[in-house]
């Protein structure tokens, strides 16, 4: 009878060892999967952070450029330049002369009515 008890104990120990080995393998696989998922999430977040930092730098550069334009255009000289270039406005004492270049596109020259020395040679007719 003692032999039967010894074989039963051995079978239980072997069965427990196999179960423990399988559980250990399952546990290691589960930890590996969790680790890989978290690693992937961290890598994606770091990449997104880099993209956002680059976008912030780009927007800050654009903001500085727009601020410089605002500062320039807020002065009377800037307003006058903007009115002349974009709106085609002239002062009351100025004369607008249009010339046509070789491509039949009009060129705009603004000159004072009394001063024709600033006109290009081709436009004095």
PDB file of N, CA and C in Angstrom:
ATOM      1  N   UNK A   1       0.793  -1.180   0.000  1.00  0.00           N
ATOM      2  CA  UNK A   1       0.000   0.000   0.000  1.00  0.00           C
ATOM      3  C   UNK A   1       0.852   1.267   0.000  1.00  0.00           C
ATOM      4  N   UNK A   2       1.926   1.232   0.597  1.00  0.00           N
ATOM      5  CA  UNK A   2       2.802   2.384   0.606  1.00  0.00           C
ATOM      6  C   UNK A   2       3.333   2.676  -0.792  1.00  0.00           C
ATOM      7  N   UNK A   3       3.492   1.616  -1.609  1.00  0.00           N
ATOM      8  CA  UNK A   3       3.922   1.829  -2.972  1.00  0.00           C
ATOM      9  C   UNK A   3       2.842   2.543  -3.777  1.00  0.00           C
ATOM     10  N   UNK A   4       1.598   2.184  -3.541  1.00  0.00           N
ATOM     11  CA  UNK A   4       0.489   2.821  -4.261  1.00  0.00           C
ATOM     12  C   UNK A   4       0.410   4.302  -3.891  1.00  0.00           C
ATOM     13  N   UNK A   5       0.594   4.606  -2.649  1.00  0.00           N
ATOM     14  CA  UNK A   5       0.561   6.011  -2.227  1.00  0.00           C
ATOM     15  C   UNK A   5       1.724   6.786  -2.845  1.00  0.00           C
ATOM     16  N   UNK A   6       2.875   6.175  -2.945  1.00  0.00           N
ATOM     17  CA  UNK A   6       4.041   6.831  -3.527  1.00  0.00           C
ATOM     18  C   UNK A   6       3.815   7.124  -5.002  1.00  0.00           C
ATOM     19  N   UNK A   7       3.222   6.197  -5.745  1.00  0.00           N
ATOM     20  CA  UNK A   7       2.958   6.427  -7.172  1.00  0.00           C
ATOM     21  C   UNK A   7       1.891   7.489  -7.355  1.00  0.00           C
ATOM     22  N   UNK A   8       0.905   7.505  -6.470  1.00  0.00           N
ATOM     23  CA  UNK A   8      -0.140   8.528  -6.563  1.00  0.00           C
ATOM     24  C   UNK A   8       0.457   9.899  -6.292  1.00  0.00           C
ATOM     25  N   UNK A   9       1.336   9.998  -5.308  1.00  0.00           N
ATOM     26  CA  UNK A   9       1.981  11.272  -5.014  1.00  0.00           C
ATOM     27  C   UNK A   9       2.860  11.716  -6.180  1.00  0.00           C
ATOM     28  N   UNK A  10       3.562  10.785  -6.793  1.00  0.00           N
ATOM     29  CA  UNK A  10       4.407  11.134  -7.924  1.00  0.00           C
ATOM     30  C   UNK A  10       3.568  11.641  -9.087  1.00  0.00           C
ATOM     31  N   UNK A  11       2.450  11.008  -9.354  1.00  0.00           N
ATOM     32  CA  UNK A  11       1.592  11.456 -10.440  1.00  0.00           C
ATOM     33  C   UNK A  11       1.048  12.852 -10.147  1.00  0.00           C
ATOM     34  N   UNK A  12       0.666  13.102  -8.921  1.00  0.00           N
ATOM     35  CA  UNK A  12       0.160  14.427  -8.568  1.00  0.00           C
ATOM     36  C   UNK A  12       1.257  15.482  -8.715  1.00  0.00           C
ATOM     37  N   UNK A  13       2.450  15.172  -8.287  1.00  0.00           N
ATOM     38  CA  UNK A  13       3.553  16.103  -8.392  1.00  0.00           C
ATOM     39  C   UNK A  13       3.859  16.368  -9.859  1.00  0.00           C
ATOM     40  N   UNK A  14       3.878  15.342 -10.670  1.00  0.00           N
ATOM     41  CA  UNK A  14       4.144  15.505 -12.087  1.00  0.00           C
ATOM     42  C   UNK A  14       3.029  16.321 -12.731  1.00  0.00           C
ATOM     43  N   UNK A  15       1.811  16.051 -12.370  1.00  0.00           N
ATOM     44  CA  UNK A  15       0.675  16.773 -12.919  1.00  0.00           C
ATOM     45  C   UNK A  15       0.751  18.248 -12.506  1.00  0.00           C
ATOM     46  N   UNK A  16       1.096  18.502 -11.291  1.00  0.00           N
ATOM     47  CA  UNK A  16       1.226  19.873 -10.807  1.00  0.00           C
ATOM     48  C   UNK A  16       2.386  20.582 -11.506  1.00  0.00           C
ATOM     49  N   UNK A  17       3.473  19.912 -11.761  1.00  0.00           N
ATOM     50  CA  UNK A  17       4.615  20.499 -12.440  1.00  0.00           C
ATOM     51  C   UNK A  17       4.245  20.863 -13.870  1.00  0.00           C
ATOM     52  N   UNK A  18       3.510  19.996 -14.565  1.00  0.00           N
ATOM     53  CA  UNK A  18       3.093  20.292 -15.930  1.00  0.00           C
ATOM     54  C   UNK A  18       2.153  21.489 -15.961  1.00  0.00           C
ATOM     55  N   UNK A  19       1.240  21.529 -15.013  1.00  0.00           N
ATOM     56  CA  UNK A  19       0.305  22.658 -14.946  1.00  0.00           C
ATOM     57  C   UNK A  19       1.058  23.944 -14.643  1.00  0.00           C
ATOM     58  N   UNK A  20       1.991  23.896 -13.750  1.00  0.00           N
ATOM     59  CA  UNK A  20       2.773  25.078 -13.407  1.00  0.00           C
ATOM     60  C   UNK A  20       3.605  25.546 -14.613  1.00  0.00           C
ATOM     61  N   UNK A  21       4.166  24.618 -15.372  1.00  0.00           N
ATOM     62  CA  UNK A  21       4.941  24.979 -16.551  1.00  0.00           C
ATOM     63  C   UNK A  21       4.042  25.658 -17.593  1.00  0.00           C
ATOM     64  N   UNK A  22       2.891  25.090 -17.837  1.00  0.00           N
ATOM     65  CA  UNK A  22       1.952  25.668 -18.808  1.00  0.00           C
ATOM     66  C   UNK A  22       1.484  27.039 -18.345  1.00  0.00           C
ATOM     67  N   UNK A  23       1.164  27.159 -17.078  1.00  0.00           N
ATOM     68  CA  UNK A  23       0.746  28.447 -16.537  1.00  0.00           C
ATOM     69  C   UNK A  23       1.871  29.480 -16.639  1.00  0.00           C
ATOM     70  N   UNK A  24       3.090  29.055 -16.407  1.00  0.00           N
ATOM     71  CA  UNK A  24       4.237  29.969 -16.522  1.00  0.00           C
ATOM     72  C   UNK A  24       4.415  30.428 -17.958  1.00  0.00           C
ATOM     73  N   UNK A  25       4.276  29.517 -18.901  1.00  0.00           N
ATOM     74  CA  UNK A  25       4.393  29.885 -20.318  1.00  0.00           C
ATOM     75  C   UNK A  25       3.278  30.855 -20.699  1.00  0.00           C
ATOM     76  N   UNK A  26       2.061  30.574 -20.294  1.00  0.00           N
ATOM     77  CA  UNK A  26       0.926  31.453 -20.590  1.00  0.00           C
ATOM     78  C   UNK A  26       1.152  32.827 -19.954  1.00  0.00           C
ATOM     79  N   UNK A  27       1.634  32.836 -18.738  1.00  0.00           N
ATOM     80  CA  UNK A  27       1.905  34.102 -18.055  1.00  0.00           C
ATOM     81  C   UNK A  27       2.984  34.903 -18.797  1.00  0.00           C
ATOM     82  N   UNK A  28       4.066  34.239 -19.222  1.00  0.00           N
ATOM     83  CA  UNK A  28       5.137  34.934 -19.955  1.00  0.00           C
ATOM     84  C   UNK A  28       4.634  35.472 -21.294  1.00  0.00           C
ATOM     85  N   UNK A  29       3.820  34.696 -21.977  1.00  0.00           N
ATOM     86  CA  UNK A  29       3.262  35.156 -23.249  1.00  0.00           C
ATOM     87  C   UNK A  29       2.350  36.364 -23.013  1.00  0.00           C
ATOM     88  N   UNK A  30       1.524  36.303 -21.985  1.00  0.00           N
ATOM     89  CA  UNK A  30       0.631  37.423 -21.674  1.00  0.00           C
ATOM     90  C   UNK A  30       1.435  38.674 -21.332  1.00  0.00           C
ATOM     91  N   UNK A  31       2.485  38.532 -20.542  1.00  0.00           N
ATOM     92  CA  UNK A  31       3.334  39.680 -20.221  1.00  0.00           C
ATOM     93  C   UNK A  31       4.005  40.241 -21.470  1.00  0.00           C
ATOM     94  N   UNK A  32       4.456  39.354 -22.349  1.00  0.00           N
ATOM     95  CA  UNK A  32       5.094  39.813 -23.584  1.00  0.00           C
ATOM     96  C   UNK A  32       4.111  40.588 -24.454  1.00  0.00           C
ATOM     97  N   UNK A  33       2.892  40.098 -24.572  1.00  0.00           N
ATOM     98  CA  UNK A  33       1.879  40.788 -25.371  1.00  0.00           C
ATOM     99  C   UNK A  33       1.569  42.152 -24.758  1.00  0.00           C
ATOM    100  N   UNK A  34       1.401  42.201 -23.463  1.00  0.00           N
ATOM    101  CA  UNK A  34       1.122  43.475 -22.793  1.00  0.00           C
ATOM    102  C   UNK A  34       2.286  44.441 -22.998  1.00  0.00           C
ATOM    103  N   UNK A  35       3.505  43.947 -22.867  1.00  0.00           N
ATOM    104  CA  UNK A  35       4.691  44.786 -23.052  1.00  0.00           C
ATOM    105  C   UNK A  35       4.749  45.329 -24.481  1.00  0.00           C
ATOM    106  N   UNK A  36       4.533  44.475 -25.468  1.00  0.00           N
ATOM    107  CA  UNK A  36       4.601  44.903 -26.864  1.00  0.00           C
ATOM    108  C   UNK A  36       3.513  45.924 -27.200  1.00  0.00           C
ATOM    109  N   UNK A  37       2.324  45.741 -26.667  1.00  0.00           N
ATOM    110  CA  UNK A  37       1.243  46.695 -26.912  1.00  0.00           C
ATOM    111  C   UNK A  37       1.594  48.044 -26.294  1.00  0.00           C
ATOM    112  N   UNK A  38       2.080  48.039 -25.095  1.00  0.00           N
ATOM    113  CA  UNK A  38       2.468  49.292 -24.431  1.00  0.00           C
ATOM    114  C   UNK A  38       3.643  49.958 -25.139  1.00  0.00           C
ATOM    115  N   UNK A  39       4.602  49.160 -25.582  1.00  0.00           N
ATOM    116  CA  UNK A  39       5.750  49.699 -26.308  1.00  0.00           C
ATOM    117  C   UNK A  39       5.287  50.365 -27.601  1.00  0.00           C
ATOM    118  N   UNK A  40       4.378  49.720 -28.304  1.00  0.00           N
ATOM    119  CA  UNK A  40       3.831  50.284 -29.536  1.00  0.00           C
ATOM    120  C   UNK A  40       3.088  51.589 -29.249  1.00  0.00           C
ATOM    121  N   UNK A  41       2.310  51.626 -28.183  1.00  0.00           N
ATOM    122  CA  UNK A  41       1.597  52.854 -27.808  1.00  0.00           C
ATOM    123  C   UNK A  41       2.576  53.985 -27.486  1.00  0.00           C
ATOM    124  N   UNK A  42       3.624  53.671 -26.748  1.00  0.00           N
ATOM    125  CA  UNK A  42       4.623  54.690 -26.388  1.00  0.00           C
ATOM    126  C   UNK A  42       5.323  55.198 -27.636  1.00  0.00           C
ATOM    127  N   UNK A  43       5.689  54.290 -28.544  1.00  0.00           N
ATOM    128  CA  UNK A  43       6.354  54.699 -29.785  1.00  0.00           C
ATOM    129  C   UNK A  43       5.439  55.608 -30.618  1.00  0.00           C
ATOM    130  N   UNK A  44       4.157  55.262 -30.719  1.00  0.00           N
ATOM    131  CA  UNK A  44       3.205  56.106 -31.454  1.00  0.00           C
ATOM    132  C   UNK A  44       3.051  57.471 -30.800  1.00  0.00           C
ATOM    133  N   UNK A  45       3.004  57.512 -29.485  1.00  0.00           N
ATOM    134  CA  UNK A  45       2.863  58.785 -28.781  1.00  0.00           C
ATOM    135  C   UNK A  45       4.108  59.658 -28.961  1.00  0.00           C
ATOM    136  N   UNK A  46       5.286  59.054 -28.943  1.00  0.00           N
ATOM    137  CA  UNK A  46       6.518  59.818 -29.166  1.00  0.00           C
ATOM    138  C   UNK A  46       6.569  60.378 -30.585  1.00  0.00           C
ATOM    139  N   UNK A  47       6.126  59.585 -31.549  1.00  0.00           N
ATOM    140  CA  UNK A  47       6.087  60.059 -32.928  1.00  0.00           C
ATOM    141  C   UNK A  47       5.097  61.209 -33.068  1.00  0.00           C
ATOM    142  N   UNK A  48       3.945  61.088 -32.447  1.00  0.00           N
ATOM    143  CA  UNK A  48       2.931  62.160 -32.489  1.00  0.00           C
ATOM    144  C   UNK A  48       3.461  63.417 -31.810  1.00  0.00           C
ATOM    145  N   UNK A  49       4.198  63.232 -30.693  1.00  0.00           N
ATOM    146  CA  UNK A  49       4.777  64.383 -29.992  1.00  0.00           C
ATOM    147  C   UNK A  49       5.767  65.115 -30.904  1.00  0.00           C
ATOM    148  N   UNK A  50       6.588  64.359 -31.621  1.00  0.00           N
ATOM    149  CA  UNK A  50       7.546  64.967 -32.545  1.00  0.00           C
ATOM    150  C   UNK A  50       6.827  65.744 -33.638  1.00  0.00           C
ATOM    151  N   UNK A  51       5.773  65.157 -34.207  1.00  0.00           N
ATOM    152  CA  UNK A  51       5.004  65.840 -35.252  1.00  0.00           C
ATOM    153  C   UNK A  51       4.373  67.123 -34.709  1.00  0.00           C
ATOM    154  N   UNK A  52       3.830  67.055 -33.503  1.00  0.00           N
ATOM    155  CA  UNK A  52       3.191  68.232 -32.914  1.00  0.00           C
ATOM    156  C   UNK A  52       4.215  69.321 -32.598  1.00  0.00           C
ATOM    157  N   UNK A  53       5.398  68.932 -32.140  1.00  0.00           N
ATOM    158  CA  UNK A  53       6.452  69.924 -31.878  1.00  0.00           C
ATOM    159  C   UNK A  53       6.860  70.624 -33.171  1.00  0.00           C
ATOM    160  N   UNK A  54       6.993  69.858 -34.259  1.00  0.00           N
ATOM    161  CA  UNK A  54       7.338  70.456 -35.547  1.00  0.00           C
ATOM    162  C   UNK A  54       6.235  71.409 -36.008  1.00  0.00           C
ATOM    163  N   UNK A  55       4.996  71.012 -35.802  1.00  0.00           N
ATOM    164  CA  UNK A  55       3.868  71.880 -36.189  1.00  0.00           C
ATOM    165  C   UNK A  55       3.850  73.150 -35.349  1.00  0.00           C
ATOM    166  N   UNK A  56       4.147  73.023 -34.065  1.00  0.00           N
ATOM    167  CA  UNK A  56       4.201  74.197 -33.186  1.00  0.00           C
ATOM    168  C   UNK A  56       5.289  75.150 -33.663  1.00  0.00           C
ATOM    169  N   UNK A  57       6.471  74.614 -34.000  1.00  0.00           N
ATOM    170  CA  UNK A  57       7.556  75.464 -34.484  1.00  0.00           C
ATOM    171  C   UNK A  57       7.167  76.161 -35.777  1.00  0.00           C
ATOM    172  N   UNK A  58       6.517  75.430 -36.667  1.00  0.00           N
ATOM    173  CA  UNK A  58       6.074  76.016 -37.934  1.00  0.00           C
ATOM    174  C   UNK A  58       5.060  77.132 -37.689  1.00  0.00           C
ATOM    175  N   UNK A  59       4.111  76.894 -36.807  1.00  0.00           N
ATOM    176  CA  UNK A  59       3.100  77.914 -36.505  1.00  0.00           C
ATOM    177  C   UNK A  59       3.714  79.116 -35.805  1.00  0.00           C
ATOM    178  N   UNK A  60       4.720  78.883 -34.953  1.00  0.00           N
ATOM    179  CA  UNK A  60       5.390  80.012 -34.294  1.00  0.00           C
ATOM    180  C   UNK A  60       6.151  80.861 -35.306  1.00  0.00           C
ATOM    181  N   UNK A  61       6.813  80.198 -36.286  1.00  0.00           N
ATOM    182  CA  UNK A  61       7.495  80.956 -37.349  1.00  0.00           C
ATOM    183  C   UNK A  61       6.492  81.772 -38.154  1.00  0.00           C
ATOM    184  N   UNK A  62       5.376  81.147 -38.503  1.00  0.00           N
ATOM    185  CA  UNK A  62       4.341  81.868 -39.258  1.00  0.00           C
ATOM    186  C   UNK A  62       3.784  83.025 -38.431  1.00  0.00           C
ATOM    187  N   UNK A  63       3.603  82.806 -37.146  1.00  0.00           N
ATOM    188  CA  UNK A  63       3.098  83.857 -36.263  1.00  0.00           C
ATOM    189  C   UNK A  63       4.072  85.032 -36.205  1.00  0.00           C
ATOM    190  N   UNK A  64       5.387  84.732 -36.085  1.00  0.00           N
ATOM    191  CA  UNK A  64       6.388  85.803 -36.074  1.00  0.00           C
ATOM    192  C   UNK A  64       6.376  86.573 -37.394  1.00  0.00           C
ATOM    193  N   UNK A  65       6.254  85.850 -38.505  1.00  0.00           N
ATOM    194  CA  UNK A  65       6.213  86.494 -39.815  1.00  0.00           C
ATOM    195  C   UNK A  65       4.984  87.396 -39.935  1.00  0.00           C
ATOM    196  N   UNK A  66       3.831  86.901 -39.504  1.00  0.00           N
ATOM    197  CA  UNK A  66       2.609  87.708 -39.559  1.00  0.00           C
ATOM    198  C   UNK A  66       2.695  88.920 -38.634  1.00  0.00           C
ATOM    199  N   UNK A  67       3.339  88.748 -37.479  1.00  0.00           N
ATOM    200  CA  UNK A  67       3.510  89.873 -36.551  1.00  0.00           C
ATOM    201  C   UNK A  67       4.407  90.941 -37.163  1.00  0.00           C
ATOM    202  N   UNK A  68       5.468  90.503 -37.867  1.00  0.00           N
ATOM    203  CA  UNK A  68       6.334  91.463 -38.541  1.00  0.00           C
ATOM    204  C   UNK A  68       5.571  92.203 -39.632  1.00  0.00           C
ATOM    205  N   UNK A  69       4.754  91.472 -40.396  1.00  0.00           N
ATOM    206  CA  UNK A  69       3.929  92.127 -41.418  1.00  0.00           C
ATOM    207  C   UNK A  69       2.968  93.127 -40.795  1.00  0.00           C
ATOM    208  N   UNK A  70       2.370  92.750 -39.669  1.00  0.00           N
ATOM    209  CA  UNK A  70       1.445  93.644 -38.990  1.00  0.00           C
ATOM    210  C   UNK A  70       2.167  94.902 -38.517  1.00  0.00           C
ATOM    211  N   UNK A  71       3.352  94.714 -37.941  1.00  0.00           N
ATOM    212  CA  UNK A  71       4.126  95.865 -37.482  1.00  0.00           C
ATOM    213  C   UNK A  71       4.503  96.771 -38.652  1.00  0.00           C
ATOM    214  N   UNK A  72       4.883  96.163 -39.769  1.00  0.00           N
ATOM    215  CA  UNK A  72       5.270  96.941 -40.951  1.00  0.00           C
ATOM    216  C   UNK A  72       4.069  97.674 -41.538  1.00  0.00           C
ATOM    217  N   UNK A  73       2.954  96.991 -41.645  1.00  0.00           N
ATOM    218  CA  UNK A  73       1.781  97.593 -42.293  1.00  0.00           C
ATOM    219  C   UNK A  73       1.022  98.538 -41.368  1.00  0.00           C
ATOM    220  N   UNK A  74       1.355  98.569 -40.105  1.00  0.00           N
ATOM    221  CA  UNK A  74       0.692  99.486 -39.171  1.00  0.00           C
ATOM    222  C   UNK A  74       1.253 100.898 -39.256  1.00  0.00           C
ATOM    223  N   UNK A  75       2.396 101.053 -39.894  1.00  0.00           N
ATOM    224  CA  UNK A  75       2.992 102.381 -40.020  1.00  0.00           C
ATOM    225  C   UNK A  75       2.356 103.109 -41.211  1.00  0.00           C
ATOM    226  N   UNK A  76       2.408 104.435 -41.227  1.00  0.00           N
ATOM    227  CA  UNK A  76       1.853 105.174 -42.374  1.00  0.00           C
ATOM    228  C   UNK A  76       2.517 104.794 -43.698  1.00  0.00           C
ATOM    229  N   UNK A  77       3.830 104.552 -43.681  1.00  0.00           N
ATOM    230  CA  UNK A  77       4.520 104.148 -44.902  1.00  0.00           C
ATOM    231  C   UNK A  77       4.025 102.793 -45.389  1.00  0.00           C
ATOM    232  N   UNK A  78       3.792 101.899 -44.463  1.00  0.00           N
ATOM    233  CA  UNK A  78       3.294 100.568 -44.826  1.00  0.00           C
ATOM    234  C   UNK A  78       1.893 100.629 -45.404  1.00  0.00           C
ATOM    235  N   UNK A  79       1.048 101.455 -44.822  1.00  0.00           N
ATOM    236  CA  UNK A  79      -0.314 101.615 -45.333  1.00  0.00           C
ATOM    237  C   UNK A  79      -0.279 102.206 -46.734  1.00  0.00           C
ATOM    238  N   UNK A  80       0.580 103.214 -46.944  1.00  0.00           N
ATOM    239  CA  UNK A  80       0.693 103.837 -48.267  1.00  0.00           C
ATOM    240  C   UNK A  80       1.202 102.818 -49.298  1.00  0.00           C
ATOM    241  N   UNK A  81       2.214 102.048 -48.939  1.00  0.00           N
ATOM    242  CA  UNK A  81       2.747 101.046 -49.859  1.00  0.00           C
ATOM    243  C   UNK A  81       1.681 100.009 -50.223  1.00  0.00           C
ATOM    244  N   UNK A  82       0.920  99.579 -49.222  1.00  0.00           N
ATOM    245  CA  UNK A  82      -0.145  98.615 -49.458  1.00  0.00           C
ATOM    246  C   UNK A  82      -1.209  99.196 -50.381  1.00  0.00           C
ATOM    247  N   UNK A  83      -1.590 100.458 -50.166  1.00  0.00           N
ATOM    248  CA  UNK A  83      -2.600 101.102 -51.005  1.00  0.00           C
ATOM    249  C   UNK A  83      -2.093 101.239 -52.436  1.00  0.00           C
ATOM    250  N   UNK A  84      -0.824 101.531 -52.610  1.00  0.00           N
ATOM    251  CA  UNK A  84      -0.270 101.682 -53.963  1.00  0.00           C
ATOM    252  C   UNK A  84      -0.154 100.330 -54.672  1.00  0.00           C
ATOM    253  N   UNK A  85       0.378  99.330 -53.970  1.00  0.00           N
ATOM    254  CA  UNK A  85       0.650  98.044 -54.614  1.00  0.00           C
ATOM    255  C   UNK A  85      -0.613  97.230 -54.860  1.00  0.00           C
ATOM    256  N   UNK A  86      -1.437  97.096 -53.859  1.00  0.00           N
ATOM    257  CA  UNK A  86      -2.584  96.196 -53.982  1.00  0.00           C
ATOM    258  C   UNK A  86      -3.841  96.881 -54.509  1.00  0.00           C
ATOM    259  N   UNK A  87      -4.029  98.130 -54.160  1.00  0.00           N
ATOM    260  CA  UNK A  87      -5.265  98.810 -54.551  1.00  0.00           C
ATOM    261  C   UNK A  87      -5.078  99.739 -55.740  1.00  0.00           C
ATOM    262  N   UNK A  88      -3.834 100.029 -56.102  1.00  0.00           N
ATOM    263  CA  UNK A  88      -3.564 100.894 -57.239  1.00  0.00           C
ATOM    264  C   UNK A  88      -3.900 102.351 -56.989  1.00  0.00           C
ATOM    265  N   UNK A  89      -3.921 102.769 -55.745  1.00  0.00           N
ATOM    266  CA  UNK A  89      -4.250 104.154 -55.421  1.00  0.00           C
ATOM    267  C   UNK A  89      -3.031 105.051 -55.633  1.00  0.00           C
ATOM    268  N   UNK A  90      -3.298 106.306 -55.979  1.00  0.00           N
ATOM    269  CA  UNK A  90      -2.235 107.300 -56.160  1.00  0.00           C
ATOM    270  C   UNK A  90      -2.626 108.567 -55.423  1.00  0.00           C
ATOM    271  N   UNK A  91      -1.630 109.414 -55.180  1.00  0.00           N
ATOM    272  CA  UNK A  91      -1.888 110.703 -54.538  1.00  0.00           C
ATOM    273  C   UNK A  91      -2.513 111.630 -55.570  1.00  0.00           C
ATOM    274  N   UNK A  92      -3.237 112.663 -55.111  1.00  0.00           N
ATOM    275  CA  UNK A  92      -3.917 113.560 -56.065  1.00  0.00           C
ATOM    276  C   UNK A  92      -2.956 114.250 -57.036  1.00  0.00           C
ATOM    277  N   UNK A  93      -1.728 114.533 -56.649  1.00  0.00           N
ATOM    278  CA  UNK A  93      -0.800 115.242 -57.530  1.00  0.00           C
ATOM    279  C   UNK A  93      -0.021 114.295 -58.442  1.00  0.00           C
ATOM    280  N   UNK A  94      -0.264 113.003 -58.383  1.00  0.00           N
ATOM    281  CA  UNK A  94       0.465 112.044 -59.197  1.00  0.00           C
ATOM    282  C   UNK A  94      -0.310 111.690 -60.465  1.00  0.00           C
ATOM    283  N   UNK A  95       0.436 111.263 -61.449  1.00  0.00           N
ATOM    284  CA  UNK A  95      -0.117 110.861 -62.734  1.00  0.00           C
ATOM    285  C   UNK A  95       0.222 109.391 -62.940  1.00  0.00           C
ATOM    286  N   UNK A  96      -0.743 108.588 -63.351  1.00  0.00           N
ATOM    287  CA  UNK A  96      -0.530 107.168 -63.583  1.00  0.00           C
ATOM    288  C   UNK A  96      -0.293 106.961 -65.069  1.00  0.00           C
ATOM    289  N   UNK A  97       0.780 106.300 -65.404  1.00  0.00           N
ATOM    290  CA  UNK A  97       1.121 106.032 -66.794  1.00  0.00           C
ATOM    291  C   UNK A  97       1.221 104.525 -66.960  1.00  0.00           C
ATOM    292  N   UNK A  98       0.494 103.992 -67.919  1.00  0.00           N
ATOM    293  CA  UNK A  98       0.538 102.572 -68.232  1.00  0.00           C
ATOM    294  C   UNK A  98       1.322 102.378 -69.518  1.00  0.00           C
ATOM    295  N   UNK A  99       2.225 101.440 -69.523  1.00  0.00           N
ATOM    296  CA  UNK A  99       2.974 101.093 -70.728  1.00  0.00           C
ATOM    297  C   UNK A  99       2.757  99.625 -71.019  1.00  0.00           C
ATOM    298  N   UNK A 100       3.041  99.224 -72.222  1.00  0.00           N
ATOM    299  CA  UNK A 100       2.875  97.836 -72.624  1.00  0.00           C
ATOM    300  C   UNK A 100       4.260  97.293 -72.956  1.00  0.00           C
ATOM    301  N   UNK A 101       4.584  96.153 -72.372  1.00  0.00           N
ATOM    302  CA  UNK A 101       5.886  95.555 -72.654  1.00  0.00           C
ATOM    303  C   UNK A 101       5.777  94.634 -73.869  1.00  0.00           C
ATOM    304  N   UNK A 102       6.813  93.883 -74.172  1.00  0.00           N
ATOM    305  CA  UNK A 102       6.853  93.030 -75.352  1.00  0.00           C
ATOM    306  C   UNK A 102       5.759  91.963 -75.341  1.00  0.00           C
ATOM    307  N   UNK A 103       5.324  91.531 -74.182  1.00  0.00           N
ATOM    308  CA  UNK A 103       4.305  90.487 -74.059  1.00  0.00           C
ATOM    309  C   UNK A 103       2.895  91.057 -74.038  1.00  0.00           C
ATOM    310  N   UNK A 104       2.738  92.332 -74.368  1.00  0.00           N
ATOM    311  CA  UNK A 104       1.442  93.017 -74.367  1.00  0.00           C
ATOM    312  C   UNK A 104       0.764  92.996 -73.001  1.00  0.00           C
ATOM    313  N   UNK A 105       1.563  93.060 -71.947  1.00  0.00           N
ATOM    314  CA  UNK A 105       1.021  93.146 -70.600  1.00  0.00           C
ATOM    315  C   UNK A 105       1.285  94.549 -70.086  1.00  0.00           C
ATOM    316  N   UNK A 106       0.258  95.211 -69.546  1.00  0.00           N
ATOM    317  CA  UNK A 106       0.463  96.585 -69.087  1.00  0.00           C
ATOM    318  C   UNK A 106       1.353  96.646 -67.863  1.00  0.00           C
ATOM    319  N   UNK A 107       2.188  97.656 -67.822  1.00  0.00           N
ATOM    320  CA  UNK A 107       3.021  97.946 -66.664  1.00  0.00           C
ATOM    321  C   UNK A 107       2.526  99.247 -66.080  1.00  0.00           C
ATOM    322  N   UNK A 108       2.499  99.358 -64.782  1.00  0.00           N
ATOM    323  CA  UNK A 108       1.963 100.536 -64.107  1.00  0.00           C
ATOM    324  C   UNK A 108       3.118 101.350 -63.548  1.00  0.00           C
ATOM    325  N   UNK A 109       3.205 102.627 -63.964  1.00  0.00           N
ATOM    326  CA  UNK A 109       4.210 103.528 -63.405  1.00  0.00           C
ATOM    327  C   UNK A 109       3.488 104.697 -62.766  1.00  0.00           C
ATOM    328  N   UNK A 110       3.799 104.962 -61.511  1.00  0.00           N
ATOM    329  CA  UNK A 110       3.249 106.122 -60.824  1.00  0.00           C
ATOM    330  C   UNK A 110       4.331 107.196 -60.807  1.00  0.00           C
ATOM    331  N   UNK A 111       3.983 108.374 -61.238  1.00  0.00           N
ATOM    332  CA  UNK A 111       4.970 109.463 -61.252  1.00  0.00           C
ATOM    333  C   UNK A 111       4.263 110.751 -60.902  1.00  0.00           C
ATOM    334  N   UNK A 112       5.009 111.657 -60.310  1.00  0.00           N
ATOM    335  CA  UNK A 112       4.440 112.973 -59.997  1.00  0.00           C
ATOM    336  C   UNK A 112       4.182 113.705 -61.317  1.00  0.00           C
ATOM    337  N   UNK A 113       3.133 114.506 -61.383  1.00  0.00           N
ATOM    338  CA  UNK A 113       2.737 115.184 -62.619  1.00  0.00           C
ATOM    339  C   UNK A 113       3.815 116.145 -63.085  1.00  0.00           C
ATOM    340  N   UNK A 114       4.503 116.784 -62.178  1.00  0.00           N
ATOM    341  CA  UNK A 114       5.500 117.768 -62.569  1.00  0.00           C
ATOM    342  C   UNK A 114       6.880 117.160 -62.773  1.00  0.00           C
ATOM    343  N   UNK A 115       7.097 115.934 -62.310  1.00  0.00           N
ATOM    344  CA  UNK A 115       8.422 115.329 -62.378  1.00  0.00           C
ATOM    345  C   UNK A 115       8.385 114.133 -63.316  1.00  0.00           C
ATOM    346  N   UNK A 116       8.916 114.265 -64.525  1.00  0.00           N
ATOM    347  CA  UNK A 116       8.956 113.158 -65.480  1.00  0.00           C
ATOM    348  C   UNK A 116      10.331 112.517 -65.531  1.00  0.00           C
ATOM    349  N   UNK A 117      11.236 112.961 -64.689  1.00  0.00           N
ATOM    350  CA  UNK A 117      12.584 112.395 -64.712  1.00  0.00           C
ATOM    351  C   UNK A 117      12.617 110.991 -64.125  1.00  0.00           C
ATOM    352  N   UNK A 118      11.601 110.606 -63.350  1.00  0.00           N
ATOM    353  CA  UNK A 118      11.587 109.281 -62.745  1.00  0.00           C
ATOM    354  C   UNK A 118      10.956 108.247 -63.642  1.00  0.00           C
ATOM    355  N   UNK A 119      10.412 108.667 -64.815  1.00  0.00           N
ATOM    356  CA  UNK A 119       9.780 107.730 -65.720  1.00  0.00           C
ATOM    357  C   UNK A 119      10.824 106.969 -66.507  1.00  0.00           C
ATOM    358  N   UNK A 120      10.539 105.716 -66.875  1.00  0.00           N
ATOM    359  CA  UNK A 120      11.469 104.986 -67.731  1.00  0.00           C
ATOM    360  C   UNK A 120      11.507 105.619 -69.123  1.00  0.00           C
ATOM    361  N   UNK A 121      12.585 105.428 -69.857  1.00  0.00           N
ATOM    362  CA  UNK A 121      12.757 106.063 -71.163  1.00  0.00           C
ATOM    363  C   UNK A 121      11.688 105.633 -72.137  1.00  0.00           C
ATOM    364  N   UNK A 122      11.254 104.374 -72.102  1.00  0.00           N
ATOM    365  CA  UNK A 122      10.274 103.878 -73.063  1.00  0.00           C
ATOM    366  C   UNK A 122       8.900 104.492 -72.838  1.00  0.00           C
ATOM    367  N   UNK A 123       8.605 104.935 -71.621  1.00  0.00           N
ATOM    368  CA  UNK A 123       7.272 105.439 -71.330  1.00  0.00           C
ATOM    369  C   UNK A 123       7.128 106.937 -71.586  1.00  0.00           C
ATOM    370  N   UNK A 124       8.191 107.635 -71.920  1.00  0.00           N
ATOM    371  CA  UNK A 124       8.094 109.080 -72.197  1.00  0.00           C
ATOM    372  C   UNK A 124       7.751 109.277 -73.667  1.00  0.00           C
ATOM    373  N   UNK A 125       6.476 109.533 -73.973  1.00  0.00           N
ATOM    374  CA  UNK A 125       6.045 109.722 -75.358  1.00  0.00           C
ATOM    375  C   UNK A 125       5.223 110.955 -75.480  1.00  0.00           C
TER     376      UNK A 125
END
